[in-house]
Every structure is written in C-alpha cells, then in structure tokens.
Amino acid sequence: MVVVFGTTTDAMAMERAGRRCGLRGRLVPVPRQLSAGCGLAWREPADNEDALRRVIADEGVTCDALVKMEL
C-alpha cells in the first residue's frame, strides 16, 4: 500500500501517527508511477491495509490517495 500526500506537513503527520499507532511502514520517495505534491509517500505492507486505513481515519491524516501496488 502506498499513501501519497499533497504536502510535506501531511507526510510528516502520517509518519508520527504511524509510529504512534504501531504501523510497520515508513516514508519513501513517491514511486515513478504516481505523482504527489510533496514527493513523499508512506509505504505499508498490503497485509496491514485495514490498520493503515484505520490510522488515517482515526488520526485525521490528510492524504491525496491510497493505492495498492507492486513495488
């Protein structure tokens, strides 16, 4: 799963929320196949999609897209 953000502030908020909530992902450069305003994305293992979506909703993280893709 890849989450893309419009701003660096949103990406950093995701990083804080992800760490606080125990997600396994991390911030990475946006894959070539996608575009994002800030150039950062959160990469999370696909088997953790439900937890990722829950963190985004519960923590009020603003993202441009959440995409399932092979990297």
N, C-alpha and C. Protein backbone atom coordinates (compact mmCIF):
# COMPACT_ATOMS: atom_id res chain seq x y z
N MET A 1 0.85 -1.17 0.00
CA MET A 1 0.00 0.00 0.00
C MET A 1 0.89 1.23 0.00
N VAL A 2 0.51 2.21 -0.81
CA VAL A 2 1.24 3.46 -0.88
C VAL A 2 0.25 4.60 -0.64
N VAL A 3 0.59 5.48 0.29
CA VAL A 3 -0.22 6.66 0.58
C VAL A 3 0.56 7.87 0.10
N VAL A 4 -0.04 8.70 -0.75
CA VAL A 4 0.63 9.90 -1.25
C VAL A 4 0.00 11.15 -0.63
N PHE A 5 0.81 12.19 -0.52
CA PHE A 5 0.42 13.40 0.20
C PHE A 5 0.65 14.63 -0.66
N GLY A 6 -0.15 15.66 -0.42
CA GLY A 6 0.00 16.91 -1.13
C GLY A 6 1.05 17.82 -0.52
N THR A 7 1.32 17.64 0.78
CA THR A 7 2.30 18.49 1.44
C THR A 7 3.23 17.66 2.33
N THR A 8 4.39 18.20 2.57
CA THR A 8 5.34 17.56 3.46
C THR A 8 4.77 17.49 4.88
N THR A 9 4.02 18.49 5.27
CA THR A 9 3.39 18.50 6.60
C THR A 9 2.47 17.30 6.77
N ASP A 10 1.69 16.99 5.74
CA ASP A 10 0.80 15.82 5.80
C ASP A 10 1.60 14.53 5.89
N ALA A 11 2.69 14.45 5.14
CA ALA A 11 3.54 13.25 5.17
C ALA A 11 4.14 13.06 6.56
N MET A 12 4.60 14.15 7.16
CA MET A 12 5.20 14.06 8.50
C MET A 12 4.14 13.69 9.55
N ALA A 13 2.91 14.18 9.37
CA ALA A 13 1.83 13.81 10.28
C ALA A 13 1.54 12.31 10.18
N MET A 14 1.61 11.76 8.97
CA MET A 14 1.42 10.33 8.78
C MET A 14 2.53 9.55 9.46
N GLU A 15 3.75 10.04 9.35
CA GLU A 15 4.88 9.35 9.98
C GLU A 15 4.69 9.32 11.50
N ARG A 16 4.31 10.44 12.10
CA ARG A 16 4.09 10.48 13.55
C ARG A 16 2.95 9.54 13.95
N ALA A 17 1.83 9.60 13.21
CA ALA A 17 0.69 8.75 13.52
C ALA A 17 1.02 7.28 13.34
N GLY A 18 1.74 6.96 12.26
CA GLY A 18 2.12 5.56 12.00
C GLY A 18 2.98 5.00 13.09
N ARG A 19 3.96 5.75 13.54
CA ARG A 19 4.84 5.29 14.62
C ARG A 19 4.06 5.14 15.92
N ARG A 20 3.25 6.14 16.24
CA ARG A 20 2.48 6.12 17.48
C ARG A 20 1.52 4.93 17.52
N CYS A 21 0.96 4.57 16.36
CA CYS A 21 -0.06 3.51 16.31
C CYS A 21 0.51 2.14 15.94
N GLY A 22 1.82 2.04 15.78
CA GLY A 22 2.44 0.75 15.56
C GLY A 22 2.41 0.21 14.14
N LEU A 23 2.23 1.09 13.14
CA LEU A 23 2.28 0.61 11.76
C LEU A 23 3.71 0.17 11.43
N ARG A 24 3.84 -0.68 10.44
CA ARG A 24 5.15 -1.22 10.06
C ARG A 24 5.80 -0.46 8.92
N GLY A 25 5.09 0.50 8.32
CA GLY A 25 5.58 1.20 7.15
C GLY A 25 6.58 2.30 7.46
N ARG A 26 6.90 3.05 6.39
CA ARG A 26 7.84 4.17 6.52
C ARG A 26 7.64 5.13 5.36
N LEU A 27 8.18 6.34 5.51
CA LEU A 27 8.16 7.31 4.42
C LEU A 27 9.20 6.94 3.37
N VAL A 28 8.80 7.07 2.10
CA VAL A 28 9.66 6.76 0.97
C VAL A 28 9.42 7.81 -0.11
N PRO A 29 10.33 7.93 -1.09
CA PRO A 29 10.03 8.79 -2.24
C PRO A 29 8.82 8.24 -3.00
N VAL A 30 8.03 9.11 -3.58
CA VAL A 30 6.86 8.68 -4.35
C VAL A 30 7.32 7.84 -5.54
N PRO A 31 6.72 6.66 -5.72
CA PRO A 31 7.07 5.83 -6.88
C PRO A 31 6.82 6.57 -8.19
N ARG A 32 7.62 6.27 -9.21
CA ARG A 32 7.50 6.93 -10.52
C ARG A 32 6.09 6.86 -11.09
N GLN A 33 5.38 5.75 -10.82
CA GLN A 33 4.06 5.54 -11.40
C GLN A 33 3.00 6.50 -10.83
N LEU A 34 3.30 7.15 -9.72
CA LEU A 34 2.36 8.04 -9.05
C LEU A 34 2.93 9.45 -9.04
N SER A 35 2.08 10.40 -8.71
CA SER A 35 2.57 11.76 -8.52
C SER A 35 1.99 12.31 -7.23
N ALA A 36 2.76 13.15 -6.59
CA ALA A 36 2.30 13.78 -5.35
C ALA A 36 2.99 15.13 -5.23
N GLY A 37 2.29 16.05 -4.61
CA GLY A 37 2.81 17.40 -4.48
C GLY A 37 4.12 17.50 -3.72
N CYS A 38 4.30 16.68 -2.69
CA CYS A 38 5.48 16.84 -1.85
C CYS A 38 6.60 15.86 -2.17
N GLY A 39 6.32 14.83 -2.97
CA GLY A 39 7.36 13.87 -3.32
C GLY A 39 7.57 12.76 -2.30
N LEU A 40 6.78 12.76 -1.22
CA LEU A 40 6.90 11.72 -0.20
C LEU A 40 5.65 10.85 -0.17
N ALA A 41 5.84 9.59 0.18
CA ALA A 41 4.73 8.65 0.31
C ALA A 41 4.99 7.76 1.51
N TRP A 42 3.93 7.20 2.06
CA TRP A 42 4.05 6.20 3.13
C TRP A 42 3.86 4.84 2.49
N ARG A 43 4.78 3.95 2.71
CA ARG A 43 4.70 2.59 2.17
C ARG A 43 4.41 1.63 3.32
N GLU A 44 3.35 0.85 3.18
CA GLU A 44 2.90 -0.08 4.22
C GLU A 44 2.65 -1.44 3.56
N PRO A 45 3.04 -2.53 4.21
CA PRO A 45 2.74 -3.85 3.65
C PRO A 45 1.23 -4.01 3.40
N ALA A 46 0.87 -4.62 2.28
CA ALA A 46 -0.54 -4.75 1.89
C ALA A 46 -1.35 -5.55 2.90
N ASP A 47 -0.71 -6.47 3.61
CA ASP A 47 -1.46 -7.26 4.60
C ASP A 47 -1.85 -6.44 5.83
N ASN A 48 -1.43 -5.18 5.88
CA ASN A 48 -1.75 -4.31 7.00
C ASN A 48 -2.67 -3.16 6.56
N GLU A 49 -3.38 -3.37 5.44
CA GLU A 49 -4.23 -2.32 4.87
C GLU A 49 -5.30 -1.83 5.84
N ASP A 50 -5.96 -2.74 6.54
CA ASP A 50 -7.03 -2.33 7.46
C ASP A 50 -6.50 -1.41 8.55
N ALA A 51 -5.36 -1.77 9.13
CA ALA A 51 -4.76 -0.94 10.18
C ALA A 51 -4.36 0.42 9.61
N LEU A 52 -3.81 0.43 8.41
CA LEU A 52 -3.41 1.68 7.77
C LEU A 52 -4.62 2.60 7.58
N ARG A 53 -5.69 2.06 7.03
CA ARG A 53 -6.90 2.87 6.81
C ARG A 53 -7.47 3.38 8.14
N ARG A 54 -7.41 2.56 9.17
CA ARG A 54 -7.91 2.94 10.48
C ARG A 54 -7.08 4.11 11.05
N VAL A 55 -5.77 4.03 10.94
CA VAL A 55 -4.91 5.10 11.44
C VAL A 55 -5.19 6.40 10.69
N ILE A 56 -5.29 6.34 9.38
CA ILE A 56 -5.57 7.53 8.58
C ILE A 56 -6.88 8.18 9.04
N ALA A 57 -7.91 7.37 9.23
CA ALA A 57 -9.22 7.90 9.64
C ALA A 57 -9.20 8.40 11.08
N ASP A 58 -8.70 7.57 12.00
CA ASP A 58 -8.74 7.90 13.42
C ASP A 58 -7.84 9.08 13.78
N GLU A 59 -6.70 9.20 13.10
CA GLU A 59 -5.74 10.26 13.41
C GLU A 59 -5.97 11.52 12.57
N GLY A 60 -6.92 11.47 11.64
CA GLY A 60 -7.23 12.64 10.82
C GLY A 60 -6.12 13.03 9.85
N VAL A 61 -5.39 12.03 9.37
CA VAL A 61 -4.30 12.28 8.42
C VAL A 61 -4.89 12.66 7.06
N THR A 62 -4.39 13.73 6.47
CA THR A 62 -4.83 14.17 5.15
C THR A 62 -3.91 13.56 4.09
N CYS A 63 -4.50 12.83 3.16
CA CYS A 63 -3.71 12.24 2.08
C CYS A 63 -4.42 12.46 0.75
N ASP A 64 -3.65 12.42 -0.33
CA ASP A 64 -4.22 12.60 -1.67
C ASP A 64 -4.76 11.29 -2.24
N ALA A 65 -4.10 10.19 -1.92
CA ALA A 65 -4.53 8.89 -2.46
C ALA A 65 -3.92 7.76 -1.64
N LEU A 66 -4.60 6.63 -1.65
CA LEU A 66 -4.12 5.41 -1.06
C LEU A 66 -4.21 4.36 -2.17
N VAL A 67 -3.07 3.81 -2.57
CA VAL A 67 -3.01 2.95 -3.75
C VAL A 67 -2.37 1.62 -3.39
N LYS A 68 -2.97 0.54 -3.88
CA LYS A 68 -2.37 -0.78 -3.73
C LYS A 68 -1.56 -1.04 -4.99
N MET A 69 -0.26 -1.29 -4.83
CA MET A 69 0.58 -1.51 -6.00
C MET A 69 1.80 -2.36 -5.63
N GLU A 70 2.34 -3.02 -6.65
CA GLU A 70 3.57 -3.79 -6.50
C GLU A 70 4.75 -2.84 -6.62
N LEU A 71 5.68 -2.95 -5.67
CA LEU A 71 6.90 -2.11 -5.74
C LEU A 71 8.12 -2.97 -5.81
